[in-house]
Amino acid sequence: MPGADVPEEAFWTTLVAVLAVALAIGAWQASTGLPSTPEGYPGPALFPRVLAVVLLVVGLAVLAQALRRGWQPPRESLLRSAPTLFVAAALGAAPWLLSKLGLAASAGLYAAVVALLLGAPRLHGLLVGLTMGALVHLFFVTFLKVW
């Protein structure tokens, strides 16, 4: 990452890595309630657990790298940090949003909001959200019958 040696950027990298590890643990925990097949074949819990393991490994690797660099809390104003803080809060609100809107709509909404917060033009953010919602619906709802 260009400029990643700046201690303030390492702070945000550390924050994202900690969130990734927490999300991985949460995904693993949530997958324990999914049914398993009586024949011993991989069931619906396989995909979230594979993603949880990958997310955990990557999160820990990024965390170790950021901690080796050293970090300081950013000097920028809270207002400039608002998009990052909003994305972090939205990750925590994802289970509630999922229960209210469903899988496809919440994934599409989250993707659109994140794209807009990252500076995408409005039309592109809308297209990202619609595409994500459609793909999630197609794969998880239609094909895998998960939701």
N, C-alpha and C. Protein backbone atom coordinates (compact mmCIF):
# COMPACT_ATOMS: atom_id res chain seq x y z
N MET A 1 0.84 -1.18 0.00
CA MET A 1 0.00 0.00 0.00
C MET A 1 0.88 1.23 0.00
N PRO A 2 0.66 2.14 -0.96
CA PRO A 2 1.47 3.34 -0.97
C PRO A 2 1.15 4.21 0.24
N GLY A 3 2.18 4.71 0.87
CA GLY A 3 2.01 5.59 2.01
C GLY A 3 1.57 4.90 3.27
N ALA A 4 1.64 3.57 3.31
CA ALA A 4 1.14 2.83 4.48
C ALA A 4 2.09 2.93 5.66
N ASP A 5 3.26 3.54 5.47
CA ASP A 5 4.19 3.68 6.58
C ASP A 5 3.83 4.84 7.50
N VAL A 6 2.87 5.65 7.11
CA VAL A 6 2.43 6.76 7.94
C VAL A 6 1.69 6.18 9.15
N PRO A 7 2.10 6.57 10.38
CA PRO A 7 1.48 5.98 11.56
C PRO A 7 -0.02 6.16 11.63
N GLU A 8 -0.56 7.29 11.12
CA GLU A 8 -2.00 7.50 11.15
C GLU A 8 -2.71 6.50 10.24
N GLU A 9 -2.13 6.20 9.07
CA GLU A 9 -2.74 5.23 8.19
C GLU A 9 -2.66 3.83 8.80
N ALA A 10 -1.60 3.57 9.52
CA ALA A 10 -1.48 2.28 10.20
C ALA A 10 -2.57 2.14 11.27
N PHE A 11 -2.98 3.26 11.86
CA PHE A 11 -4.07 3.22 12.84
C PHE A 11 -5.34 2.71 12.19
N TRP A 12 -5.69 3.27 11.01
CA TRP A 12 -6.91 2.84 10.34
C TRP A 12 -6.78 1.40 9.84
N THR A 13 -5.60 1.02 9.41
CA THR A 13 -5.39 -0.36 8.99
C THR A 13 -5.59 -1.30 10.18
N THR A 14 -5.11 -0.90 11.35
CA THR A 14 -5.30 -1.70 12.56
C THR A 14 -6.77 -1.81 12.91
N LEU A 15 -7.50 -0.71 12.81
CA LEU A 15 -8.92 -0.71 13.11
C LEU A 15 -9.68 -1.65 12.18
N VAL A 16 -9.39 -1.59 10.89
CA VAL A 16 -10.05 -2.47 9.93
C VAL A 16 -9.69 -3.92 10.19
N ALA A 17 -8.45 -4.19 10.53
CA ALA A 17 -8.02 -5.56 10.81
C ALA A 17 -8.75 -6.12 12.03
N VAL A 18 -8.89 -5.31 13.06
CA VAL A 18 -9.61 -5.75 14.27
C VAL A 18 -11.07 -6.03 13.93
N LEU A 19 -11.68 -5.16 13.12
CA LEU A 19 -13.06 -5.40 12.69
C LEU A 19 -13.17 -6.69 11.87
N ALA A 20 -12.19 -6.95 11.01
CA ALA A 20 -12.21 -8.17 10.20
C ALA A 20 -12.13 -9.41 11.09
N VAL A 21 -11.27 -9.38 12.10
CA VAL A 21 -11.16 -10.51 13.02
C VAL A 21 -12.46 -10.70 13.79
N ALA A 22 -13.05 -9.59 14.26
CA ALA A 22 -14.32 -9.69 14.99
C ALA A 22 -15.42 -10.22 14.09
N LEU A 23 -15.46 -9.78 12.85
CA LEU A 23 -16.46 -10.27 11.90
C LEU A 23 -16.26 -11.75 11.61
N ALA A 24 -15.02 -12.19 11.51
CA ALA A 24 -14.73 -13.60 11.28
C ALA A 24 -15.22 -14.46 12.44
N ILE A 25 -14.97 -13.99 13.64
CA ILE A 25 -15.43 -14.74 14.83
C ILE A 25 -16.95 -14.77 14.86
N GLY A 26 -17.58 -13.63 14.55
CA GLY A 26 -19.03 -13.58 14.51
C GLY A 26 -19.62 -14.48 13.44
N ALA A 27 -18.99 -14.53 12.27
CA ALA A 27 -19.49 -15.39 11.19
C ALA A 27 -19.37 -16.86 11.58
N TRP A 28 -18.28 -17.23 12.21
CA TRP A 28 -18.11 -18.62 12.66
C TRP A 28 -19.19 -18.97 13.69
N GLN A 29 -19.38 -18.06 14.64
CA GLN A 29 -20.37 -18.29 15.69
C GLN A 29 -21.78 -18.40 15.10
N ALA A 30 -22.10 -17.52 14.15
CA ALA A 30 -23.42 -17.55 13.52
C ALA A 30 -23.63 -18.82 12.72
N SER A 31 -22.56 -19.37 12.16
CA SER A 31 -22.71 -20.58 11.33
C SER A 31 -22.93 -21.83 12.16
N THR A 32 -22.69 -21.76 13.47
CA THR A 32 -22.91 -22.95 14.29
C THR A 32 -24.38 -23.30 14.40
N GLY A 33 -25.27 -22.34 14.17
CA GLY A 33 -26.70 -22.61 14.23
C GLY A 33 -27.28 -23.16 12.94
N LEU A 34 -26.49 -23.22 11.89
CA LEU A 34 -26.98 -23.73 10.61
C LEU A 34 -27.06 -25.25 10.65
N PRO A 35 -28.04 -25.82 9.97
CA PRO A 35 -28.19 -27.29 10.01
C PRO A 35 -27.06 -28.00 9.28
N SER A 36 -26.81 -29.22 9.69
CA SER A 36 -25.83 -30.06 8.99
C SER A 36 -26.57 -31.22 8.35
N THR A 37 -25.94 -31.79 7.34
CA THR A 37 -26.59 -32.90 6.65
C THR A 37 -26.36 -34.19 7.41
N PRO A 38 -27.35 -35.06 7.47
CA PRO A 38 -27.19 -36.31 8.22
C PRO A 38 -26.17 -37.26 7.58
N GLU A 39 -25.95 -37.12 6.28
CA GLU A 39 -25.00 -38.02 5.59
C GLU A 39 -23.56 -37.63 5.82
N GLY A 40 -23.31 -36.49 6.44
CA GLY A 40 -21.95 -36.04 6.69
C GLY A 40 -21.36 -35.18 5.59
N TYR A 41 -22.17 -34.86 4.57
CA TYR A 41 -21.69 -34.00 3.49
C TYR A 41 -21.67 -32.55 3.97
N PRO A 42 -20.87 -31.72 3.31
CA PRO A 42 -20.86 -30.31 3.71
C PRO A 42 -22.26 -29.71 3.58
N GLY A 43 -22.66 -28.99 4.60
CA GLY A 43 -23.98 -28.38 4.61
C GLY A 43 -23.89 -26.88 4.44
N PRO A 44 -24.94 -26.19 4.80
CA PRO A 44 -24.98 -24.74 4.64
C PRO A 44 -23.94 -24.01 5.49
N ALA A 45 -23.41 -24.63 6.51
CA ALA A 45 -22.43 -23.96 7.37
C ALA A 45 -21.04 -23.91 6.73
N LEU A 46 -20.82 -24.66 5.67
CA LEU A 46 -19.49 -24.72 5.08
C LEU A 46 -19.04 -23.38 4.53
N PHE A 47 -19.86 -22.72 3.74
CA PHE A 47 -19.47 -21.46 3.09
C PHE A 47 -19.16 -20.37 4.11
N PRO A 48 -20.03 -20.11 5.10
CA PRO A 48 -19.67 -19.07 6.08
C PRO A 48 -18.42 -19.41 6.88
N ARG A 49 -18.19 -20.68 7.13
CA ARG A 49 -16.99 -21.06 7.89
C ARG A 49 -15.73 -20.90 7.06
N VAL A 50 -15.79 -21.22 5.79
CA VAL A 50 -14.63 -20.99 4.92
C VAL A 50 -14.33 -19.50 4.84
N LEU A 51 -15.37 -18.69 4.65
CA LEU A 51 -15.17 -17.24 4.63
C LEU A 51 -14.64 -16.73 5.96
N ALA A 52 -15.13 -17.28 7.07
CA ALA A 52 -14.66 -16.85 8.39
C ALA A 52 -13.18 -17.16 8.57
N VAL A 53 -12.75 -18.33 8.13
CA VAL A 53 -11.34 -18.69 8.27
C VAL A 53 -10.47 -17.79 7.41
N VAL A 54 -10.88 -17.55 6.17
CA VAL A 54 -10.10 -16.67 5.28
C VAL A 54 -10.05 -15.26 5.86
N LEU A 55 -11.18 -14.76 6.33
CA LEU A 55 -11.23 -13.42 6.91
C LEU A 55 -10.37 -13.33 8.17
N LEU A 56 -10.38 -14.37 8.97
CA LEU A 56 -9.56 -14.38 10.18
C LEU A 56 -8.08 -14.36 9.84
N VAL A 57 -7.66 -15.20 8.91
CA VAL A 57 -6.24 -15.26 8.54
C VAL A 57 -5.78 -13.92 7.95
N VAL A 58 -6.57 -13.37 7.04
CA VAL A 58 -6.20 -12.10 6.42
C VAL A 58 -6.22 -10.97 7.46
N GLY A 59 -7.24 -10.95 8.31
CA GLY A 59 -7.32 -9.93 9.35
C GLY A 59 -6.14 -9.98 10.30
N LEU A 60 -5.75 -11.18 10.71
CA LEU A 60 -4.60 -11.31 11.61
C LEU A 60 -3.30 -10.91 10.92
N ALA A 61 -3.16 -11.24 9.64
CA ALA A 61 -1.96 -10.86 8.90
C ALA A 61 -1.86 -9.34 8.76
N VAL A 62 -2.97 -8.70 8.43
CA VAL A 62 -2.98 -7.24 8.30
C VAL A 62 -2.74 -6.59 9.66
N LEU A 63 -3.32 -7.15 10.71
CA LEU A 63 -3.13 -6.62 12.06
C LEU A 63 -1.66 -6.71 12.47
N ALA A 64 -1.02 -7.84 12.22
CA ALA A 64 0.39 -8.00 12.57
C ALA A 64 1.26 -7.01 11.80
N GLN A 65 0.95 -6.82 10.53
CA GLN A 65 1.72 -5.88 9.72
C GLN A 65 1.54 -4.44 10.23
N ALA A 66 0.33 -4.07 10.57
CA ALA A 66 0.07 -2.71 11.06
C ALA A 66 0.73 -2.47 12.41
N LEU A 67 0.70 -3.46 13.28
CA LEU A 67 1.30 -3.30 14.60
C LEU A 67 2.82 -3.23 14.53
N ARG A 68 3.41 -3.91 13.55
CA ARG A 68 4.86 -3.83 13.37
C ARG A 68 5.28 -2.42 12.96
N ARG A 69 4.44 -1.73 12.19
CA ARG A 69 4.75 -0.37 11.76
C ARG A 69 4.60 0.64 12.87
N GLY A 70 3.78 0.33 13.84
CA GLY A 70 3.47 1.31 14.88
C GLY A 70 2.40 2.25 14.37
N TRP A 71 1.56 2.72 15.28
CA TRP A 71 0.49 3.61 14.84
C TRP A 71 0.19 4.64 15.91
N GLN A 72 -0.43 5.70 15.44
CA GLN A 72 -0.89 6.77 16.32
C GLN A 72 -2.32 7.09 15.92
N PRO A 73 -3.14 7.51 16.89
CA PRO A 73 -4.49 7.95 16.51
C PRO A 73 -4.39 9.11 15.53
N PRO A 74 -5.30 9.19 14.60
CA PRO A 74 -5.21 10.24 13.58
C PRO A 74 -5.41 11.63 14.17
N ARG A 75 -4.76 12.61 13.54
CA ARG A 75 -4.89 14.00 13.97
C ARG A 75 -6.02 14.70 13.24
N GLU A 76 -6.58 14.05 12.24
CA GLU A 76 -7.63 14.69 11.46
C GLU A 76 -8.91 14.81 12.28
N SER A 77 -9.78 15.67 11.85
CA SER A 77 -11.02 15.89 12.59
C SER A 77 -11.93 14.67 12.48
N LEU A 78 -12.83 14.57 13.43
CA LEU A 78 -13.79 13.47 13.44
C LEU A 78 -14.69 13.54 12.22
N LEU A 79 -14.98 14.75 11.74
CA LEU A 79 -15.84 14.92 10.59
C LEU A 79 -15.23 14.27 9.35
N ARG A 80 -13.91 14.40 9.17
CA ARG A 80 -13.25 13.77 8.03
C ARG A 80 -13.20 12.26 8.19
N SER A 81 -13.29 11.77 9.42
CA SER A 81 -13.27 10.33 9.67
C SER A 81 -14.66 9.72 9.63
N ALA A 82 -15.68 10.55 9.44
CA ALA A 82 -17.06 10.07 9.50
C ALA A 82 -17.36 8.90 8.56
N PRO A 83 -16.92 8.92 7.29
CA PRO A 83 -17.22 7.76 6.44
C PRO A 83 -16.64 6.45 6.98
N THR A 84 -15.42 6.50 7.49
CA THR A 84 -14.81 5.29 8.04
C THR A 84 -15.57 4.82 9.26
N LEU A 85 -15.92 5.75 10.13
CA LEU A 85 -16.67 5.39 11.33
C LEU A 85 -18.06 4.87 10.97
N PHE A 86 -18.68 5.44 9.93
CA PHE A 86 -19.99 4.97 9.50
C PHE A 86 -19.92 3.54 8.98
N VAL A 87 -18.90 3.24 8.19
CA VAL A 87 -18.74 1.87 7.68
C VAL A 87 -18.52 0.90 8.84
N ALA A 88 -17.72 1.29 9.82
CA ALA A 88 -17.49 0.43 10.99
C ALA A 88 -18.80 0.20 11.75
N ALA A 89 -19.59 1.25 11.94
CA ALA A 89 -20.87 1.11 12.63
C ALA A 89 -21.84 0.26 11.82
N ALA A 90 -21.80 0.40 10.50
CA ALA A 90 -22.69 -0.38 9.64
C ALA A 90 -22.36 -1.87 9.72
N LEU A 91 -21.10 -2.20 9.89
CA LEU A 91 -20.74 -3.61 10.07
C LEU A 91 -21.39 -4.18 11.32
N GLY A 92 -21.42 -3.38 12.37
CA GLY A 92 -22.06 -3.83 13.60
C GLY A 92 -23.56 -3.92 13.47
N ALA A 93 -24.15 -3.09 12.62
CA ALA A 93 -25.59 -3.07 12.43
C ALA A 93 -26.05 -4.08 11.39
N ALA A 94 -25.13 -4.75 10.73
CA ALA A 94 -25.48 -5.67 9.65
C ALA A 94 -26.47 -6.77 10.07
N PRO A 95 -26.30 -7.41 11.23
CA PRO A 95 -27.28 -8.44 11.61
C PRO A 95 -28.70 -7.90 11.76
N TRP A 96 -28.83 -6.69 12.32
CA TRP A 96 -30.15 -6.08 12.47
C TRP A 96 -30.74 -5.76 11.10
N LEU A 97 -29.92 -5.18 10.22
CA LEU A 97 -30.36 -4.84 8.88
C LEU A 97 -30.76 -6.09 8.12
N LEU A 98 -30.02 -7.15 8.29
CA LEU A 98 -30.32 -8.42 7.64
C LEU A 98 -31.68 -8.96 8.06
N SER A 99 -31.99 -8.85 9.35
CA SER A 99 -33.27 -9.37 9.83
C SER A 99 -34.44 -8.51 9.36
N LYS A 100 -34.21 -7.23 9.10
CA LYS A 100 -35.29 -6.33 8.67
C LYS A 100 -35.51 -6.33 7.16
N LEU A 101 -34.42 -6.34 6.38
CA LEU A 101 -34.54 -6.21 4.93
C LEU A 101 -34.34 -7.51 4.16
N GLY A 102 -33.70 -8.48 4.78
CA GLY A 102 -33.37 -9.70 4.07
C GLY A 102 -31.95 -9.63 3.51
N LEU A 103 -31.50 -10.76 3.03
CA LEU A 103 -30.10 -10.88 2.60
C LEU A 103 -29.77 -10.03 1.38
N ALA A 104 -30.54 -10.16 0.31
CA ALA A 104 -30.21 -9.46 -0.93
C ALA A 104 -30.32 -7.95 -0.79
N ALA A 105 -31.39 -7.47 -0.18
CA ALA A 105 -31.58 -6.02 -0.05
C ALA A 105 -30.54 -5.40 0.87
N SER A 106 -30.21 -6.07 1.98
CA SER A 106 -29.22 -5.49 2.89
C SER A 106 -27.83 -5.51 2.26
N ALA A 107 -27.48 -6.55 1.52
CA ALA A 107 -26.18 -6.59 0.84
C ALA A 107 -26.10 -5.49 -0.22
N GLY A 108 -27.17 -5.30 -0.97
CA GLY A 108 -27.19 -4.25 -1.99
C GLY A 108 -27.11 -2.86 -1.38
N LEU A 109 -27.86 -2.63 -0.31
CA LEU A 109 -27.83 -1.33 0.35
C LEU A 109 -26.45 -1.04 0.93
N TYR A 110 -25.88 -2.04 1.59
CA TYR A 110 -24.56 -1.86 2.19
C TYR A 110 -23.52 -1.57 1.11
N ALA A 111 -23.56 -2.31 0.01
CA ALA A 111 -22.59 -2.09 -1.08
C ALA A 111 -22.74 -0.70 -1.68
N ALA A 112 -23.97 -0.24 -1.87
CA ALA A 112 -24.20 1.09 -2.43
C ALA A 112 -23.69 2.18 -1.50
N VAL A 113 -23.98 2.06 -0.22
CA VAL A 113 -23.54 3.08 0.74
C VAL A 113 -22.02 3.12 0.83
N VAL A 114 -21.38 1.97 0.87
CA VAL A 114 -19.92 1.94 0.95
C VAL A 114 -19.31 2.53 -0.33
N ALA A 115 -19.88 2.21 -1.48
CA ALA A 115 -19.36 2.78 -2.73
C ALA A 115 -19.48 4.30 -2.73
N LEU A 116 -20.61 4.81 -2.24
CA LEU A 116 -20.78 6.26 -2.18
C LEU A 116 -19.82 6.90 -1.18
N LEU A 117 -19.62 6.23 -0.05
CA LEU A 117 -18.68 6.76 0.94
C LEU A 117 -17.24 6.75 0.44
N LEU A 118 -16.94 5.84 -0.45
CA LEU A 118 -15.59 5.78 -1.02
C LEU A 118 -15.41 6.78 -2.17
N GLY A 119 -16.47 7.54 -2.46
CA GLY A 119 -16.34 8.59 -3.46
C GLY A 119 -16.84 8.25 -4.84
N ALA A 120 -17.56 7.15 -4.99
CA ALA A 120 -18.09 6.80 -6.30
C ALA A 120 -19.20 7.79 -6.68
N PRO A 121 -19.35 8.08 -7.96
CA PRO A 121 -20.48 8.91 -8.38
C PRO A 121 -21.80 8.23 -8.00
N ARG A 122 -22.84 9.01 -7.84
CA ARG A 122 -24.12 8.46 -7.36
C ARG A 122 -24.64 7.33 -8.24
N LEU A 123 -24.56 7.51 -9.55
CA LEU A 123 -25.06 6.48 -10.46
C LEU A 123 -24.25 5.19 -10.30
N HIS A 124 -22.94 5.31 -10.16
CA HIS A 124 -22.10 4.13 -9.97
C HIS A 124 -22.42 3.45 -8.65
N GLY A 125 -22.61 4.23 -7.58
CA GLY A 125 -22.97 3.65 -6.29
C GLY A 125 -24.29 2.90 -6.37
N LEU A 126 -25.26 3.49 -7.07
CA LEU A 126 -26.54 2.82 -7.25
C LEU A 126 -26.39 1.52 -8.04
N LEU A 127 -25.59 1.57 -9.09
CA LEU A 127 -25.36 0.36 -9.90
C LEU A 127 -24.63 -0.72 -9.10
N VAL A 128 -23.67 -0.32 -8.28
CA VAL A 128 -22.97 -1.29 -7.43
C VAL A 128 -23.96 -1.96 -6.48
N GLY A 129 -24.83 -1.17 -5.85
CA GLY A 129 -25.82 -1.71 -4.94
C GLY A 129 -26.80 -2.65 -5.62
N LEU A 130 -27.30 -2.23 -6.78
CA LEU A 130 -28.25 -3.09 -7.51
C LEU A 130 -27.58 -4.38 -7.98
N THR A 131 -26.35 -4.26 -8.47
CA THR A 131 -25.63 -5.46 -8.93
C THR A 131 -25.37 -6.41 -7.77
N MET A 132 -24.92 -5.89 -6.64
CA MET A 132 -24.65 -6.73 -5.47
C MET A 132 -25.94 -7.40 -5.00
N GLY A 133 -27.02 -6.65 -4.90
CA GLY A 133 -28.29 -7.22 -4.48
C GLY A 133 -28.76 -8.31 -5.42
N ALA A 134 -28.62 -8.06 -6.72
CA ALA A 134 -29.06 -9.06 -7.71
C ALA A 134 -28.20 -10.32 -7.65
N LEU A 135 -26.88 -10.15 -7.51
CA LEU A 135 -26.00 -11.33 -7.44
C LEU A 135 -26.25 -12.14 -6.17
N VAL A 136 -26.42 -11.46 -5.05
CA VAL A 136 -26.70 -12.16 -3.79
C VAL A 136 -28.03 -12.89 -3.90
N HIS A 137 -29.02 -12.24 -4.47
CA HIS A 137 -30.33 -12.91 -4.64
C HIS A 137 -30.20 -14.13 -5.56
N LEU A 138 -29.49 -13.95 -6.66
CA LEU A 138 -29.33 -15.03 -7.62
C LEU A 138 -28.63 -16.24 -7.00
N PHE A 139 -27.49 -16.02 -6.35
CA PHE A 139 -26.72 -17.13 -5.84
C PHE A 139 -27.24 -17.70 -4.52
N PHE A 140 -27.53 -16.84 -3.57
CA PHE A 140 -27.89 -17.33 -2.24
C PHE A 140 -29.36 -17.65 -2.10
N VAL A 141 -30.22 -16.85 -2.71
CA VAL A 141 -31.66 -17.08 -2.54
C VAL A 141 -32.18 -18.06 -3.59
N THR A 142 -31.83 -17.81 -4.84
CA THR A 142 -32.37 -18.65 -5.92
C THR A 142 -31.68 -20.01 -5.99
N PHE A 143 -30.34 -20.01 -6.07
CA PHE A 143 -29.63 -21.27 -6.27
C PHE A 143 -29.44 -22.07 -4.98
N LEU A 144 -28.97 -21.42 -3.94
CA LEU A 144 -28.64 -22.14 -2.70
C LEU A 144 -29.80 -22.21 -1.72
N LYS A 145 -30.86 -21.44 -1.96
CA LYS A 145 -32.05 -21.43 -1.09
C LYS A 145 -31.68 -21.18 0.36
N VAL A 146 -30.74 -20.24 0.58
CA VAL A 146 -30.26 -19.95 1.94
C VAL A 146 -31.24 -19.07 2.67
N TRP A 147 -31.85 -18.10 2.01
CA TRP A 147 -32.68 -17.14 2.74
C TRP A 147 -34.10 -17.22 2.27
